[in-house]
Amino acid sequence: MDNAAVVASIAGELNETERAVDAALTHATGMVQAMIAGRTALGISPVAATDSQAKVMAAIAALATAREAVVACHEEMAKDHRRMGWGTYALGTLDKPAETSRPPVRNVLRAV
């Protein structure tokens, strides 16, 4: 395999990993919604499901940490790619946000 094919293969795996982590996050948050809806539909006290719901929320937090790590990996791989002088490869989806600075957060709390 030539360099371009190897790089394209790795980039494809990276993008697939990013999608898998996002899908796991989506699924886990749906689990929390289902637990709350099910508990409500069955008329079960929120106290009864506290421990199990906390476990799923801990899993969501772990997935969020995993997502941050995958994004950081993506950034590091891009730096490595540029350092090695391999140029730019257009691979992956085009729905990535532009790298712009975020607008400042304004305090908008008001007393009612």
PDB file of N, CA and C in Angstrom:
ATOM      1  N   MET A   1       0.837  -1.188   0.000  1.00  0.00           N
ATOM      2  CA  MET A   1       0.000   0.000   0.000  1.00  0.00           C
ATOM      3  C   MET A   1       0.877   1.245   0.000  1.00  0.00           C
ATOM      4  N   ASP A   2       0.446   2.247  -0.747  1.00  0.00           N
ATOM      5  CA  ASP A   2       1.197   3.490  -0.743  1.00  0.00           C
ATOM      6  C   ASP A   2       0.783   4.346   0.460  1.00  0.00           C
ATOM      7  N   ASN A   3       1.537   5.422   0.706  1.00  0.00           N
ATOM      8  CA  ASN A   3       1.286   6.286   1.862  1.00  0.00           C
ATOM      9  C   ASN A   3      -0.140   6.823   1.888  1.00  0.00           C
ATOM     10  N   ALA A   4      -0.631   7.262   0.746  1.00  0.00           N
ATOM     11  CA  ALA A   4      -1.979   7.840   0.686  1.00  0.00           C
ATOM     12  C   ALA A   4      -3.030   6.821   1.100  1.00  0.00           C
ATOM     13  N   ALA A   5      -2.871   5.580   0.694  1.00  0.00           N
ATOM     14  CA  ALA A   5      -3.836   4.540   1.049  1.00  0.00           C
ATOM     15  C   ALA A   5      -3.795   4.242   2.541  1.00  0.00           C
ATOM     16  N   VAL A   6      -2.596   4.202   3.120  1.00  0.00           N
ATOM     17  CA  VAL A   6      -2.467   3.952   4.555  1.00  0.00           C
ATOM     18  C   VAL A   6      -3.099   5.088   5.348  1.00  0.00           C
ATOM     19  N   VAL A   7      -2.779   6.319   4.974  1.00  0.00           N
ATOM     20  CA  VAL A   7      -3.334   7.479   5.672  1.00  0.00           C
ATOM     21  C   VAL A   7      -4.856   7.500   5.535  1.00  0.00           C
ATOM     22  N   ALA A   8      -5.365   7.227   4.357  1.00  0.00           N
ATOM     23  CA  ALA A   8      -6.817   7.206   4.139  1.00  0.00           C
ATOM     24  C   ALA A   8      -7.479   6.127   4.995  1.00  0.00           C
ATOM     25  N   SER A   9      -6.831   4.986   5.132  1.00  0.00           N
ATOM     26  CA  SER A   9      -7.368   3.901   5.944  1.00  0.00           C
ATOM     27  C   SER A   9      -7.452   4.304   7.411  1.00  0.00           C
ATOM     28  N   ILE A  10      -6.384   4.912   7.911  1.00  0.00           N
ATOM     29  CA  ILE A  10      -6.368   5.361   9.309  1.00  0.00           C
ATOM     30  C   ILE A  10      -7.400   6.461   9.525  1.00  0.00           C
ATOM     31  N   ALA A  11      -7.503   7.393   8.593  1.00  0.00           N
ATOM     32  CA  ALA A  11      -8.489   8.475   8.716  1.00  0.00           C
ATOM     33  C   ALA A  11      -9.907   7.917   8.723  1.00  0.00           C
ATOM     34  N   GLY A  12     -10.139   6.902   7.919  1.00  0.00           N
ATOM     35  CA  GLY A  12     -11.455   6.270   7.901  1.00  0.00           C
ATOM     36  C   GLY A  12     -11.776   5.620   9.238  1.00  0.00           C
ATOM     37  N   GLU A  13     -10.795   4.949   9.830  1.00  0.00           N
ATOM     38  CA  GLU A  13     -10.991   4.339  11.150  1.00  0.00           C
ATOM     39  C   GLU A  13     -11.261   5.404  12.215  1.00  0.00           C
ATOM     40  N   LEU A  14     -10.535   6.514  12.132  1.00  0.00           N
ATOM     41  CA  LEU A  14     -10.735   7.606  13.087  1.00  0.00           C
ATOM     42  C   LEU A  14     -12.150   8.159  12.978  1.00  0.00           C
ATOM     43  N   ASN A  15     -12.603   8.416  11.759  1.00  0.00           N
ATOM     44  CA  ASN A  15     -13.954   8.941  11.578  1.00  0.00           C
ATOM     45  C   ASN A  15     -15.006   7.943  12.034  1.00  0.00           C
ATOM     46  N   GLU A  16     -14.769   6.677  11.799  1.00  0.00           N
ATOM     47  CA  GLU A  16     -15.695   5.626  12.236  1.00  0.00           C
ATOM     48  C   GLU A  16     -15.739   5.556  13.758  1.00  0.00           C
ATOM     49  N   THR A  17     -14.608   5.712  14.404  1.00  0.00           N
ATOM     50  CA  THR A  17     -14.551   5.725  15.871  1.00  0.00           C
ATOM     51  C   THR A  17     -15.315   6.913  16.426  1.00  0.00           C
ATOM     52  N   GLU A  18     -15.138   8.086  15.815  1.00  0.00           N
ATOM     53  CA  GLU A  18     -15.875   9.275  16.260  1.00  0.00           C
ATOM     54  C   GLU A  18     -17.382   9.047  16.153  1.00  0.00           C
ATOM     55  N   ARG A  19     -17.820   8.464  15.041  1.00  0.00           N
ATOM     56  CA  ARG A  19     -19.254   8.194  14.862  1.00  0.00           C
ATOM     57  C   ARG A  19     -19.757   7.168  15.871  1.00  0.00           C
ATOM     58  N   ALA A  20     -18.945   6.157  16.171  1.00  0.00           N
ATOM     59  CA  ALA A  20     -19.356   5.115  17.118  1.00  0.00           C
ATOM     60  C   ALA A  20     -19.524   5.682  18.525  1.00  0.00           C
ATOM     61  N   VAL A  21     -18.607   6.543  18.936  1.00  0.00           N
ATOM     62  CA  VAL A  21     -18.721   7.148  20.270  1.00  0.00           C
ATOM     63  C   VAL A  21     -19.953   8.051  20.327  1.00  0.00           C
ATOM     64  N   ASP A  22     -20.184   8.834  19.286  1.00  0.00           N
ATOM     65  CA  ASP A  22     -21.383   9.678  19.249  1.00  0.00           C
ATOM     66  C   ASP A  22     -22.658   8.829  19.288  1.00  0.00           C
ATOM     67  N   ALA A  23     -22.665   7.724  18.566  1.00  0.00           N
ATOM     68  CA  ALA A  23     -23.838   6.839  18.572  1.00  0.00           C
ATOM     69  C   ALA A  23     -24.050   6.233  19.956  1.00  0.00           C
ATOM     70  N   ALA A  24     -22.972   5.860  20.620  1.00  0.00           N
ATOM     71  CA  ALA A  24     -23.092   5.312  21.979  1.00  0.00           C
ATOM     72  C   ALA A  24     -23.639   6.361  22.939  1.00  0.00           C
ATOM     73  N   LEU A  25     -23.186   7.593  22.804  1.00  0.00           N
ATOM     74  CA  LEU A  25     -23.716   8.677  23.639  1.00  0.00           C
ATOM     75  C   LEU A  25     -25.211   8.878  23.397  1.00  0.00           C
ATOM     76  N   THR A  26     -25.590   8.886  22.145  1.00  0.00           N
ATOM     77  CA  THR A  26     -26.998   9.058  21.796  1.00  0.00           C
ATOM     78  C   THR A  26     -27.839   7.932  22.377  1.00  0.00           C
ATOM     79  N   HIS A  27     -27.349   6.722  22.243  1.00  0.00           N
ATOM     80  CA  HIS A  27     -28.082   5.563  22.752  1.00  0.00           C
ATOM     81  C   HIS A  27     -28.197   5.605  24.274  1.00  0.00           C
ATOM     82  N   ALA A  28     -27.118   5.960  24.951  1.00  0.00           N
ATOM     83  CA  ALA A  28     -27.125   6.008  26.416  1.00  0.00           C
ATOM     84  C   ALA A  28     -28.059   7.098  26.941  1.00  0.00           C
ATOM     85  N   THR A  29     -28.099   8.240  26.261  1.00  0.00           N
ATOM     86  CA  THR A  29     -29.023   9.283  26.715  1.00  0.00           C
ATOM     87  C   THR A  29     -30.468   8.852  26.473  1.00  0.00           C
ATOM     88  N   GLY A  30     -30.684   8.095  25.410  1.00  0.00           N
ATOM     89  CA  GLY A  30     -32.021   7.525  25.172  1.00  0.00           C
ATOM     90  C   GLY A  30     -32.403   6.554  26.270  1.00  0.00           C
ATOM     91  N   MET A  31     -31.415   5.838  26.805  1.00  0.00           N
ATOM     92  CA  MET A  31     -31.665   4.915  27.909  1.00  0.00           C
ATOM     93  C   MET A  31     -32.164   5.668  29.135  1.00  0.00           C
ATOM     94  N   VAL A  32     -31.558   6.800  29.441  1.00  0.00           N
ATOM     95  CA  VAL A  32     -32.006   7.610  30.579  1.00  0.00           C
ATOM     96  C   VAL A  32     -33.447   8.064  30.349  1.00  0.00           C
ATOM     97  N   GLN A  33     -33.739   8.516  29.145  1.00  0.00           N
ATOM     98  CA  GLN A  33     -35.104   8.945  28.829  1.00  0.00           C
ATOM     99  C   GLN A  33     -36.085   7.791  29.001  1.00  0.00           C
ATOM    100  N   ALA A  34     -35.708   6.620  28.530  1.00  0.00           N
ATOM    101  CA  ALA A  34     -36.582   5.457  28.646  1.00  0.00           C
ATOM    102  C   ALA A  34     -36.794   5.069  30.103  1.00  0.00           C
ATOM    103  N   MET A  35     -35.739   5.160  30.895  1.00  0.00           N
ATOM    104  CA  MET A  35     -35.862   4.822  32.319  1.00  0.00           C
ATOM    105  C   MET A  35     -36.827   5.769  33.026  1.00  0.00           C
ATOM    106  N   ILE A  36     -36.694   7.054  32.745  1.00  0.00           N
ATOM    107  CA  ILE A  36     -37.569   8.047  33.383  1.00  0.00           C
ATOM    108  C   ILE A  36     -39.005   7.862  32.906  1.00  0.00           C
ATOM    109  N   ALA A  37     -39.190   7.702  31.604  1.00  0.00           N
ATOM    110  CA  ALA A  37     -40.543   7.513  31.066  1.00  0.00           C
ATOM    111  C   ALA A  37     -41.171   6.228  31.601  1.00  0.00           C
ATOM    112  N   GLY A  38     -40.378   5.151  31.653  1.00  0.00           N
ATOM    113  CA  GLY A  38     -40.894   3.882  32.149  1.00  0.00           C
ATOM    114  C   GLY A  38     -41.261   3.950  33.619  1.00  0.00           C
ATOM    115  N   ARG A  39     -40.398   4.573  34.402  1.00  0.00           N
ATOM    116  CA  ARG A  39     -40.678   4.721  35.829  1.00  0.00           C
ATOM    117  C   ARG A  39     -41.955   5.527  36.042  1.00  0.00           C
ATOM    118  N   THR A  40     -42.106   6.587  35.275  1.00  0.00           N
ATOM    119  CA  THR A  40     -43.296   7.429  35.383  1.00  0.00           C
ATOM    120  C   THR A  40     -44.543   6.654  34.964  1.00  0.00           C
ATOM    121  N   ALA A  41     -44.455   5.940  33.844  1.00  0.00           N
ATOM    122  CA  ALA A  41     -45.601   5.170  33.346  1.00  0.00           C
ATOM    123  C   ALA A  41     -46.020   4.080  34.331  1.00  0.00           C
ATOM    124  N   LEU A  42     -45.051   3.504  35.033  1.00  0.00           N
ATOM    125  CA  LEU A  42     -45.357   2.448  35.998  1.00  0.00           C
ATOM    126  C   LEU A  42     -45.709   2.995  37.377  1.00  0.00           C
ATOM    127  N   GLY A  43     -45.602   4.291  37.537  1.00  0.00           N
ATOM    128  CA  GLY A  43     -45.927   4.909  38.815  1.00  0.00           C
ATOM    129  C   GLY A  43     -44.930   4.562  39.910  1.00  0.00           C
ATOM    130  N   ILE A  44     -43.686   4.343  39.526  1.00  0.00           N
ATOM    131  CA  ILE A  44     -42.642   3.992  40.492  1.00  0.00           C
ATOM    132  C   ILE A  44     -41.980   5.270  40.997  1.00  0.00           C
ATOM    133  N   SER A  45     -41.687   5.291  42.272  1.00  0.00           N
ATOM    134  CA  SER A  45     -41.033   6.438  42.893  1.00  0.00           C
ATOM    135  C   SER A  45     -39.657   6.671  42.280  1.00  0.00           C
ATOM    136  N   PRO A  46     -39.266   7.941  42.108  1.00  0.00           N
ATOM    137  CA  PRO A  46     -37.930   8.250  41.601  1.00  0.00           C
ATOM    138  C   PRO A  46     -36.821   7.678  42.494  1.00  0.00           C
ATOM    139  N   VAL A  47     -37.121   7.512  43.765  1.00  0.00           N
ATOM    140  CA  VAL A  47     -36.138   6.982  44.702  1.00  0.00           C
ATOM    141  C   VAL A  47     -35.760   5.543  44.331  1.00  0.00           C
ATOM    142  N   ALA A  48     -36.716   4.788  43.819  1.00  0.00           N
ATOM    143  CA  ALA A  48     -36.481   3.371  43.505  1.00  0.00           C
ATOM    144  C   ALA A  48     -35.451   3.184  42.396  1.00  0.00           C
ATOM    145  N   ALA A  49     -35.355   4.113  41.494  1.00  0.00           N
ATOM    146  CA  ALA A  49     -34.461   3.941  40.341  1.00  0.00           C
ATOM    147  C   ALA A  49     -33.200   4.796  40.433  1.00  0.00           C
ATOM    148  N   THR A  50     -32.960   5.371  41.585  1.00  0.00           N
ATOM    149  CA  THR A  50     -31.836   6.296  41.712  1.00  0.00           C
ATOM    150  C   THR A  50     -30.499   5.645  41.399  1.00  0.00           C
ATOM    151  N   ASP A  51     -30.229   4.486  41.957  1.00  0.00           N
ATOM    152  CA  ASP A  51     -28.922   3.844  41.759  1.00  0.00           C
ATOM    153  C   ASP A  51     -28.695   3.418  40.311  1.00  0.00           C
ATOM    154  N   SER A  52     -29.691   2.797  39.714  1.00  0.00           N
ATOM    155  CA  SER A  52     -29.507   2.344  38.327  1.00  0.00           C
ATOM    156  C   SER A  52     -29.394   3.527  37.370  1.00  0.00           C
ATOM    157  N   GLN A  53     -30.156   4.575  37.606  1.00  0.00           N
ATOM    158  CA  GLN A  53     -30.076   5.754  36.747  1.00  0.00           C
ATOM    159  C   GLN A  53     -28.728   6.443  36.919  1.00  0.00           C
ATOM    160  N   ALA A  54     -28.207   6.464  38.124  1.00  0.00           N
ATOM    161  CA  ALA A  54     -26.885   7.058  38.362  1.00  0.00           C
ATOM    162  C   ALA A  54     -25.803   6.286  37.609  1.00  0.00           C
ATOM    163  N   LYS A  55     -25.954   4.969  37.511  1.00  0.00           N
ATOM    164  CA  LYS A  55     -24.969   4.152  36.787  1.00  0.00           C
ATOM    165  C   LYS A  55     -24.962   4.497  35.307  1.00  0.00           C
ATOM    166  N   VAL A  56     -26.147   4.671  34.738  1.00  0.00           N
ATOM    167  CA  VAL A  56     -26.201   5.008  33.308  1.00  0.00           C
ATOM    168  C   VAL A  56     -25.644   6.415  33.083  1.00  0.00           C
ATOM    169  N   MET A  57     -25.884   7.312  34.021  1.00  0.00           N
ATOM    170  CA  MET A  57     -25.333   8.666  33.887  1.00  0.00           C
ATOM    171  C   MET A  57     -23.811   8.651  34.032  1.00  0.00           C
ATOM    172  N   ALA A  58     -23.287   7.757  34.865  1.00  0.00           N
ATOM    173  CA  ALA A  58     -21.831   7.605  34.973  1.00  0.00           C
ATOM    174  C   ALA A  58     -21.267   7.083  33.650  1.00  0.00           C
ATOM    175  N   ALA A  59     -22.003   6.189  33.013  1.00  0.00           N
ATOM    176  CA  ALA A  59     -21.577   5.677  31.707  1.00  0.00           C
ATOM    177  C   ALA A  59     -21.565   6.805  30.676  1.00  0.00           C
ATOM    178  N   ILE A  60     -22.553   7.688  30.736  1.00  0.00           N
ATOM    179  CA  ILE A  60     -22.603   8.834  29.816  1.00  0.00           C
ATOM    180  C   ILE A  60     -21.397   9.737  30.050  1.00  0.00           C
ATOM    181  N   ALA A  61     -21.061   9.969  31.316  1.00  0.00           N
ATOM    182  CA  ALA A  61     -19.889  10.795  31.627  1.00  0.00           C
ATOM    183  C   ALA A  61     -18.614  10.145  31.080  1.00  0.00           C
ATOM    184  N   ALA A  62     -18.514   8.825  31.212  1.00  0.00           N
ATOM    185  CA  ALA A  62     -17.344   8.114  30.690  1.00  0.00           C
ATOM    186  C   ALA A  62     -17.292   8.217  29.166  1.00  0.00           C
ATOM    187  N   LEU A  63     -18.440   8.120  28.518  1.00  0.00           N
ATOM    188  CA  LEU A  63     -18.483   8.259  27.058  1.00  0.00           C
ATOM    189  C   LEU A  63     -18.101   9.675  26.632  1.00  0.00           C
ATOM    190  N   ALA A  64     -18.495  10.670  27.418  1.00  0.00           N
ATOM    191  CA  ALA A  64     -18.115  12.049  27.109  1.00  0.00           C
ATOM    192  C   ALA A  64     -16.604  12.210  27.213  1.00  0.00           C
ATOM    193  N   THR A  65     -16.006  11.575  28.206  1.00  0.00           N
ATOM    194  CA  THR A  65     -14.552  11.601  28.345  1.00  0.00           C
ATOM    195  C   THR A  65     -13.895  10.895  27.160  1.00  0.00           C
ATOM    196  N   ALA A  66     -14.471   9.780  26.752  1.00  0.00           N
ATOM    197  CA  ALA A  66     -13.949   9.052  25.590  1.00  0.00           C
ATOM    198  C   ALA A  66     -14.046   9.913  24.335  1.00  0.00           C
ATOM    199  N   ARG A  67     -15.139  10.633  24.191  1.00  0.00           N
ATOM    200  CA  ARG A  67     -15.310  11.497  23.022  1.00  0.00           C
ATOM    201  C   ARG A  67     -14.244  12.586  22.995  1.00  0.00           C
ATOM    202  N   GLU A  68     -13.982  13.194  24.168  1.00  0.00           N
ATOM    203  CA  GLU A  68     -12.937  14.213  24.245  1.00  0.00           C
ATOM    204  C   GLU A  68     -11.578  13.633  23.844  1.00  0.00           C
ATOM    205  N   ALA A  69     -11.316  12.406  24.277  1.00  0.00           N
ATOM    206  CA  ALA A  69     -10.042  11.767  23.941  1.00  0.00           C
ATOM    207  C   ALA A  69      -9.932  11.491  22.445  1.00  0.00           C
ATOM    208  N   VAL A  70     -11.018  11.057  21.828  1.00  0.00           N
ATOM    209  CA  VAL A  70     -10.994  10.774  20.389  1.00  0.00           C
ATOM    210  C   VAL A  70     -10.799  12.070  19.600  1.00  0.00           C
ATOM    211  N   VAL A  71     -11.462  13.139  20.038  1.00  0.00           N
ATOM    212  CA  VAL A  71     -11.288  14.437  19.370  1.00  0.00           C
ATOM    213  C   VAL A  71      -9.850  14.914  19.527  1.00  0.00           C
ATOM    214  N   ALA A  72      -9.278  14.750  20.728  1.00  0.00           N
ATOM    215  CA  ALA A  72      -7.879  15.140  20.950  1.00  0.00           C
ATOM    216  C   ALA A  72      -6.951  14.295  20.084  1.00  0.00           C
ATOM    217  N   CYS A  73      -7.262  13.015  19.941  1.00  0.00           N
ATOM    218  CA  CYS A  73      -6.484  12.135  19.069  1.00  0.00           C
ATOM    219  C   CYS A  73      -6.537  12.650  17.638  1.00  0.00           C
ATOM    220  N   HIS A  74      -7.707  13.055  17.191  1.00  0.00           N
ATOM    221  CA  HIS A  74      -7.884  13.583  15.841  1.00  0.00           C
ATOM    222  C   HIS A  74      -6.981  14.804  15.631  1.00  0.00           C
ATOM    223  N   GLU A  75      -6.988  15.698  16.617  1.00  0.00           N
ATOM    224  CA  GLU A  75      -6.165  16.905  16.512  1.00  0.00           C
ATOM    225  C   GLU A  75      -4.680  16.560  16.467  1.00  0.00           C
ATOM    226  N   GLU A  76      -4.250  15.624  17.306  1.00  0.00           N
ATOM    227  CA  GLU A  76      -2.838  15.218  17.327  1.00  0.00           C
ATOM    228  C   GLU A  76      -2.441  14.539  16.017  1.00  0.00           C
ATOM    229  N   MET A  77      -3.330  13.705  15.487  1.00  0.00           N
ATOM    230  CA  MET A  77      -3.032  13.037  14.221  1.00  0.00           C
ATOM    231  C   MET A  77      -2.905  14.055  13.093  1.00  0.00           C
ATOM    232  N   ALA A  78      -3.732  15.098  13.134  1.00  0.00           N
ATOM    233  CA  ALA A  78      -3.637  16.147  12.110  1.00  0.00           C
ATOM    234  C   ALA A  78      -2.286  16.857  12.203  1.00  0.00           C
ATOM    235  N   LYS A  79      -1.830  17.109  13.436  1.00  0.00           N
ATOM    236  CA  LYS A  79      -0.515  17.744  13.614  1.00  0.00           C
ATOM    237  C   LYS A  79       0.589  16.831  13.085  1.00  0.00           C
ATOM    238  N   ASP A  80       0.510  15.547  13.434  1.00  0.00           N
ATOM    239  CA  ASP A  80       1.509  14.586  12.948  1.00  0.00           C
ATOM    240  C   ASP A  80       1.528  14.558  11.422  1.00  0.00           C
ATOM    241  N   HIS A  81       0.349  14.567  10.855  1.00  0.00           N
ATOM    242  CA  HIS A  81       0.197  14.514   9.396  1.00  0.00           C
ATOM    243  C   HIS A  81       0.906  15.695   8.747  1.00  0.00           C
ATOM    244  N   ARG A  82       0.686  16.887   9.311  1.00  0.00           N
ATOM    245  CA  ARG A  82       1.328  18.083   8.761  1.00  0.00           C
ATOM    246  C   ARG A  82       2.841  18.047   8.985  1.00  0.00           C
ATOM    247  N   ARG A  83       3.272  17.602  10.178  1.00  0.00           N
ATOM    248  CA  ARG A  83       4.708  17.534  10.481  1.00  0.00           C
ATOM    249  C   ARG A  83       5.442  16.606   9.530  1.00  0.00           C
ATOM    250  N   MET A  84       4.778  15.555   9.120  1.00  0.00           N
ATOM    251  CA  MET A  84       5.413  14.585   8.231  1.00  0.00           C
ATOM    252  C   MET A  84       5.363  15.027   6.771  1.00  0.00           C
ATOM    253  N   GLY A  85       4.688  16.156   6.533  1.00  0.00           N
ATOM    254  CA  GLY A  85       4.668  16.723   5.195  1.00  0.00           C
ATOM    255  C   GLY A  85       3.805  15.977   4.196  1.00  0.00           C
ATOM    256  N   TRP A  86       2.755  15.339   4.687  1.00  0.00           N
ATOM    257  CA  TRP A  86       1.912  14.568   3.777  1.00  0.00           C
ATOM    258  C   TRP A  86       0.793  15.379   3.150  1.00  0.00           C
ATOM    259  N   GLY A  87       0.757  16.675   3.390  1.00  0.00           N
ATOM    260  CA  GLY A  87      -0.272  17.507   2.771  1.00  0.00           C
ATOM    261  C   GLY A  87      -1.638  17.272   3.375  1.00  0.00           C
ATOM    262  N   THR A  88      -2.647  17.666   2.623  1.00  0.00           N
ATOM    263  CA  THR A  88      -4.023  17.565   3.098  1.00  0.00           C
ATOM    264  C   THR A  88      -4.757  16.483   2.347  1.00  0.00           C
ATOM    265  N   TYR A  89      -5.457  15.645   3.086  1.00  0.00           N
ATOM    266  CA  TYR A  89      -6.300  14.622   2.490  1.00  0.00           C
ATOM    267  C   TYR A  89      -7.739  14.951   2.855  1.00  0.00           C
ATOM    268  N   ALA A  90      -8.590  15.089   1.881  1.00  0.00           N
ATOM    269  CA  ALA A  90     -10.004  15.341   2.147  1.00  0.00           C
ATOM    270  C   ALA A  90     -10.695  14.006   2.301  1.00  0.00           C
ATOM    271  N   LEU A  91     -10.990  13.651   3.527  1.00  0.00           N
ATOM    272  CA  LEU A  91     -11.654  12.388   3.798  1.00  0.00           C
ATOM    273  C   LEU A  91     -12.599  12.611   4.955  1.00  0.00           C
ATOM    274  N   GLY A  92     -13.717  11.983   4.917  1.00  0.00           N
ATOM    275  CA  GLY A  92     -14.666  12.113   6.015  1.00  0.00           C
ATOM    276  C   GLY A  92     -15.824  12.989   5.625  1.00  0.00           C
ATOM    277  N   THR A  93     -16.641  13.259   6.607  1.00  0.00           N
ATOM    278  CA  THR A  93     -17.844  14.042   6.345  1.00  0.00           C
ATOM    279  C   THR A  93     -17.516  15.522   6.264  1.00  0.00           C
ATOM    280  N   LEU A  94     -18.397  16.246   5.662  1.00  0.00           N
ATOM    281  CA  LEU A  94     -18.200  17.680   5.515  1.00  0.00           C
ATOM    282  C   LEU A  94     -19.018  18.475   6.524  1.00  0.00           C
ATOM    283  N   ASP A  95     -19.596  17.808   7.513  1.00  0.00           N
ATOM    284  CA  ASP A  95     -20.448  18.496   8.474  1.00  0.00           C
ATOM    285  C   ASP A  95     -19.691  18.942   9.722  1.00  0.00           C
ATOM    286  N   LYS A  96     -18.387  19.056   9.623  1.00  0.00           N
ATOM    287  CA  LYS A  96     -17.600  19.489  10.766  1.00  0.00           C
ATOM    288  C   LYS A  96     -17.700  21.004  10.890  1.00  0.00           C
ATOM    289  N   PRO A  97     -17.821  21.496  12.117  1.00  0.00           N
ATOM    290  CA  PRO A  97     -17.942  22.950  12.286  1.00  0.00           C
ATOM    291  C   PRO A  97     -16.635  23.655  11.962  1.00  0.00           C
ATOM    292  N   ALA A  98     -16.762  24.876  11.516  1.00  0.00           N
ATOM    293  CA  ALA A  98     -15.579  25.671  11.219  1.00  0.00           C
ATOM    294  C   ALA A  98     -14.860  25.991  12.524  1.00  0.00           C
ATOM    295  N   GLU A  99     -13.549  26.074  12.460  1.00  0.00           N
ATOM    296  CA  GLU A  99     -12.773  26.399  13.651  1.00  0.00           C
ATOM    297  C   GLU A  99     -12.749  27.913  13.806  1.00  0.00           C
ATOM    298  N   THR A 100     -13.729  28.422  14.509  1.00  0.00           N
ATOM    299  CA  THR A 100     -13.810  29.853  14.764  1.00  0.00           C
ATOM    300  C   THR A 100     -13.893  30.065  16.259  1.00  0.00           C
ATOM    301  N   SER A 101     -13.621  31.265  16.665  1.00  0.00           N
ATOM    302  CA  SER A 101     -13.728  31.553  18.093  1.00  0.00           C
ATOM    303  C   SER A 101     -15.202  31.638  18.475  1.00  0.00           C
ATOM    304  N   ARG A 102     -15.485  31.229  19.678  1.00  0.00           N
ATOM    305  CA  ARG A 102     -16.862  31.251  20.169  1.00  0.00           C
ATOM    306  C   ARG A 102     -17.209  32.640  20.662  1.00  0.00           C
ATOM    307  N   PRO A 103     -18.476  33.026  20.497  1.00  0.00           N
ATOM    308  CA  PRO A 103     -18.866  34.332  21.006  1.00  0.00           C
ATOM    309  C   PRO A 103     -18.816  34.321  22.538  1.00  0.00           C
ATOM    310  N   PRO A 104     -18.558  35.475  23.149  1.00  0.00           N
ATOM    311  CA  PRO A 104     -18.486  35.510  24.604  1.00  0.00           C
ATOM    312  C   PRO A 104     -19.834  35.162  25.235  1.00  0.00           C
ATOM    313  N   VAL A 105     -19.775  34.514  26.368  1.00  0.00           N
ATOM    314  CA  VAL A 105     -20.988  34.127  27.089  1.00  0.00           C
ATOM    315  C   VAL A 105     -21.460  35.341  27.874  1.00  0.00           C
ATOM    316  N   ARG A 106     -22.724  35.661  27.742  1.00  0.00           N
ATOM    317  CA  ARG A 106     -23.278  36.790  28.466  1.00  0.00           C
ATOM    318  C   ARG A 106     -24.125  36.280  29.618  1.00  0.00           C
ATOM    319  N   ASN A 107     -24.087  36.976  30.710  1.00  0.00           N
ATOM    320  CA  ASN A 107     -24.954  36.646  31.838  1.00  0.00           C
ATOM    321  C   ASN A 107     -26.322  37.209  31.545  1.00  0.00           C
ATOM    322  N   VAL A 108     -27.297  36.329  31.410  1.00  0.00           N
ATOM    323  CA  VAL A 108     -28.633  36.774  31.057  1.00  0.00           C
ATOM    324  C   VAL A 108     -29.669  36.355  32.097  1.00  0.00           C
ATOM    325  N   LEU A 109     -29.220  36.056  33.309  1.00  0.00           N
ATOM    326  CA  LEU A 109     -30.167  35.693  34.359  1.00  0.00           C
ATOM    327  C   LEU A 109     -30.935  36.934  34.794  1.00  0.00           C
ATOM    328  N   ARG A 110     -32.217  36.782  34.947  1.00  0.00           N
ATOM    329  CA  ARG A 110     -33.060  37.895  35.373  1.00  0.00           C
ATOM    330  C   ARG A 110     -33.963  37.438  36.505  1.00  0.00           C
ATOM    331  N   ALA A 111     -34.275  38.339  37.385  1.00  0.00           N
ATOM    332  CA  ALA A 111     -35.218  38.021  38.446  1.00  0.00           C
ATOM    333  C   ALA A 111     -36.632  38.136  37.888  1.00  0.00           C
ATOM    334  N   VAL A 112     -37.489  37.249  38.309  1.00  0.00           N
ATOM    335  CA  VAL A 112     -38.874  37.289  37.847  1.00  0.00           C
ATOM    336  C   VAL A 112     -39.795  37.707  38.962  1.00  0.00           C
TER     337      VAL A 112
END
